[in-house]
């Protein structure tokens, strides 16, 4: 399972808020909800987050084996 726990840590470090993602960068609230729930998102969203946060993919997501 892919989880986005690291995203929230990286956002805090980079002083990025969910509000900024939605209002300034046009991310939909539904995308934020999917990230919070560790649901599927597309590679465009991953790319956009990496660009905005100036980070690597592994800074926002990781794979954890299902129990």
N, C-alpha and C. Protein backbone atom coordinates (compact mmCIF):
# COMPACT_ATOMS: atom_id res chain seq x y z
N UNK A 1 0.84 -1.17 0.00
CA UNK A 1 0.00 0.00 0.00
C UNK A 1 0.89 1.24 0.00
N UNK A 2 0.55 2.19 -0.83
CA UNK A 2 1.26 3.46 -0.85
C UNK A 2 0.61 4.38 0.19
N UNK A 3 1.43 4.98 1.04
CA UNK A 3 0.93 5.91 2.05
C UNK A 3 1.62 7.26 1.89
N UNK A 4 0.91 8.30 2.26
CA UNK A 4 1.38 9.67 2.07
C UNK A 4 1.71 10.37 3.38
N UNK A 5 2.05 9.62 4.41
CA UNK A 5 2.40 10.20 5.70
C UNK A 5 3.56 11.19 5.59
N UNK A 6 4.51 10.88 4.75
CA UNK A 6 5.68 11.76 4.59
C UNK A 6 5.31 13.10 3.96
N UNK A 7 4.25 13.12 3.18
CA UNK A 7 3.82 14.36 2.53
C UNK A 7 3.55 15.44 3.55
N UNK A 8 2.82 15.10 4.60
CA UNK A 8 2.42 16.10 5.60
C UNK A 8 3.64 16.63 6.36
N UNK A 9 4.62 15.77 6.59
CA UNK A 9 5.86 16.21 7.24
C UNK A 9 6.63 17.16 6.31
N UNK A 10 6.72 16.78 5.05
CA UNK A 10 7.43 17.61 4.07
C UNK A 10 6.74 18.95 3.88
N UNK A 11 5.42 18.93 3.83
CA UNK A 11 4.68 20.18 3.69
C UNK A 11 4.95 21.10 4.87
N UNK A 12 4.98 20.56 6.05
CA UNK A 12 5.25 21.37 7.24
C UNK A 12 6.65 21.97 7.17
N UNK A 13 7.62 21.16 6.78
CA UNK A 13 9.00 21.63 6.66
C UNK A 13 9.13 22.74 5.62
N UNK A 14 8.38 22.61 4.53
CA UNK A 14 8.47 23.57 3.42
C UNK A 14 7.47 24.73 3.57
N UNK A 15 6.78 24.78 4.71
CA UNK A 15 5.80 25.84 4.98
C UNK A 15 4.69 25.89 3.92
N UNK A 16 4.20 24.72 3.55
CA UNK A 16 3.11 24.61 2.59
C UNK A 16 1.87 24.12 3.33
N UNK A 17 0.76 24.76 3.06
CA UNK A 17 -0.48 24.36 3.71
C UNK A 17 -1.44 23.76 2.67
N UNK A 18 -2.43 23.05 3.16
CA UNK A 18 -3.46 22.53 2.27
C UNK A 18 -4.20 23.69 1.61
N UNK A 19 -4.41 24.75 2.36
CA UNK A 19 -5.08 25.93 1.83
C UNK A 19 -4.31 26.49 0.63
N UNK A 20 -2.99 26.61 0.75
CA UNK A 20 -2.16 27.11 -0.36
C UNK A 20 -2.27 26.20 -1.57
N UNK A 21 -2.26 24.88 -1.33
CA UNK A 21 -2.36 23.94 -2.45
C UNK A 21 -3.66 24.14 -3.21
N UNK A 22 -4.72 24.38 -2.48
CA UNK A 22 -6.03 24.54 -3.11
C UNK A 22 -6.18 25.92 -3.75
N UNK A 23 -5.93 26.97 -2.99
CA UNK A 23 -6.21 28.33 -3.45
C UNK A 23 -5.16 28.89 -4.40
N UNK A 24 -3.89 28.66 -4.09
CA UNK A 24 -2.82 29.25 -4.90
C UNK A 24 -2.41 28.38 -6.08
N UNK A 25 -2.44 27.05 -5.88
CA UNK A 25 -1.92 26.16 -6.92
C UNK A 25 -3.00 25.33 -7.62
N UNK A 26 -4.27 25.51 -7.25
CA UNK A 26 -5.35 24.89 -7.99
C UNK A 26 -5.60 23.42 -7.75
N UNK A 27 -5.06 22.87 -6.69
CA UNK A 27 -5.32 21.47 -6.39
C UNK A 27 -6.75 21.36 -5.85
N UNK A 28 -7.43 20.33 -6.26
CA UNK A 28 -8.82 20.19 -5.82
C UNK A 28 -8.88 19.63 -4.39
N UNK A 29 -9.89 20.04 -3.64
CA UNK A 29 -10.06 19.48 -2.29
C UNK A 29 -10.21 17.96 -2.31
N UNK A 30 -10.78 17.43 -3.38
CA UNK A 30 -10.93 15.98 -3.50
C UNK A 30 -9.57 15.28 -3.56
N UNK A 31 -8.59 15.90 -4.22
CA UNK A 31 -7.25 15.33 -4.27
C UNK A 31 -6.64 15.31 -2.87
N UNK A 32 -6.81 16.36 -2.12
CA UNK A 32 -6.30 16.41 -0.75
C UNK A 32 -6.94 15.30 0.08
N UNK A 33 -8.23 15.11 -0.08
CA UNK A 33 -8.94 14.05 0.65
C UNK A 33 -8.39 12.68 0.28
N UNK A 34 -8.14 12.44 -1.01
CA UNK A 34 -7.57 11.15 -1.43
C UNK A 34 -6.19 10.93 -0.82
N UNK A 35 -5.40 11.98 -0.75
CA UNK A 35 -4.07 11.88 -0.13
C UNK A 35 -4.19 11.55 1.35
N UNK A 36 -5.11 12.20 2.03
CA UNK A 36 -5.31 11.95 3.46
C UNK A 36 -5.74 10.51 3.72
N UNK A 37 -6.53 9.97 2.81
CA UNK A 37 -7.05 8.60 2.97
C UNK A 37 -6.13 7.54 2.35
N UNK A 38 -4.97 7.97 1.85
CA UNK A 38 -4.03 7.07 1.17
C UNK A 38 -4.69 6.32 0.02
N UNK A 39 -5.54 7.02 -0.72
CA UNK A 39 -6.20 6.45 -1.88
C UNK A 39 -5.38 6.72 -3.13
N UNK A 40 -5.83 6.17 -4.24
CA UNK A 40 -5.11 6.32 -5.50
C UNK A 40 -5.12 7.77 -5.99
N UNK A 41 -3.96 8.20 -6.46
CA UNK A 41 -3.84 9.49 -7.14
C UNK A 41 -3.02 9.25 -8.39
N UNK A 42 -3.06 10.18 -9.32
CA UNK A 42 -2.32 9.96 -10.57
C UNK A 42 -0.91 10.55 -10.49
N UNK A 43 -0.11 10.18 -11.45
CA UNK A 43 1.29 10.62 -11.45
C UNK A 43 1.41 12.13 -11.67
N UNK A 44 0.44 12.74 -12.32
CA UNK A 44 0.46 14.20 -12.50
C UNK A 44 0.44 14.89 -11.13
N UNK A 45 -0.38 14.39 -10.22
CA UNK A 45 -0.47 14.96 -8.88
C UNK A 45 0.84 14.78 -8.13
N UNK A 46 1.43 13.61 -8.24
CA UNK A 46 2.72 13.35 -7.59
C UNK A 46 3.78 14.30 -8.14
N UNK A 47 3.80 14.45 -9.45
CA UNK A 47 4.76 15.35 -10.09
C UNK A 47 4.56 16.79 -9.62
N UNK A 48 3.31 17.23 -9.58
CA UNK A 48 3.01 18.59 -9.15
C UNK A 48 3.47 18.83 -7.71
N UNK A 49 3.20 17.87 -6.82
CA UNK A 49 3.62 18.02 -5.43
C UNK A 49 5.14 18.09 -5.32
N UNK A 50 5.84 17.25 -6.06
CA UNK A 50 7.31 17.28 -6.02
C UNK A 50 7.85 18.61 -6.53
N UNK A 51 7.24 19.15 -7.57
CA UNK A 51 7.68 20.45 -8.09
C UNK A 51 7.41 21.57 -7.09
N UNK A 52 6.20 21.61 -6.54
CA UNK A 52 5.84 22.67 -5.61
C UNK A 52 6.66 22.62 -4.32
N UNK A 53 6.95 21.41 -3.86
CA UNK A 53 7.68 21.26 -2.60
C UNK A 53 9.18 21.13 -2.81
N UNK A 54 9.61 21.11 -4.07
CA UNK A 54 11.02 20.95 -4.40
C UNK A 54 11.60 19.76 -3.63
N UNK A 55 11.00 18.59 -3.88
CA UNK A 55 11.41 17.40 -3.15
C UNK A 55 11.39 16.18 -4.07
N UNK A 56 11.80 15.06 -3.53
CA UNK A 56 11.79 13.80 -4.27
C UNK A 56 10.51 13.03 -3.94
N UNK A 57 10.19 12.06 -4.78
CA UNK A 57 9.00 11.25 -4.58
C UNK A 57 9.01 10.60 -3.20
N UNK A 58 10.15 10.10 -2.78
CA UNK A 58 10.23 9.41 -1.49
C UNK A 58 10.06 10.37 -0.30
N UNK A 59 10.05 11.67 -0.57
CA UNK A 59 9.78 12.64 0.49
C UNK A 59 8.28 12.83 0.73
N UNK A 60 7.45 12.31 -0.18
CA UNK A 60 6.01 12.49 -0.01
C UNK A 60 5.23 11.18 0.10
N UNK A 61 5.83 10.07 -0.31
CA UNK A 61 5.11 8.80 -0.26
C UNK A 61 6.06 7.64 -0.04
N UNK A 62 5.49 6.54 0.44
CA UNK A 62 6.28 5.33 0.62
C UNK A 62 5.39 4.11 0.50
N UNK A 63 6.01 3.00 0.19
CA UNK A 63 5.28 1.73 0.10
C UNK A 63 5.40 0.99 1.42
N UNK A 64 4.26 0.52 1.91
CA UNK A 64 4.23 -0.33 3.11
C UNK A 64 3.47 -1.60 2.77
N UNK A 65 4.05 -2.69 3.09
CA UNK A 65 3.42 -3.98 2.80
C UNK A 65 2.13 -4.09 3.60
N UNK A 66 1.06 -4.54 2.93
CA UNK A 66 -0.21 -4.75 3.62
C UNK A 66 -0.05 -5.85 4.65
N UNK A 67 -0.77 -5.69 5.77
CA UNK A 67 -0.69 -6.67 6.83
C UNK A 67 -1.59 -7.84 6.58
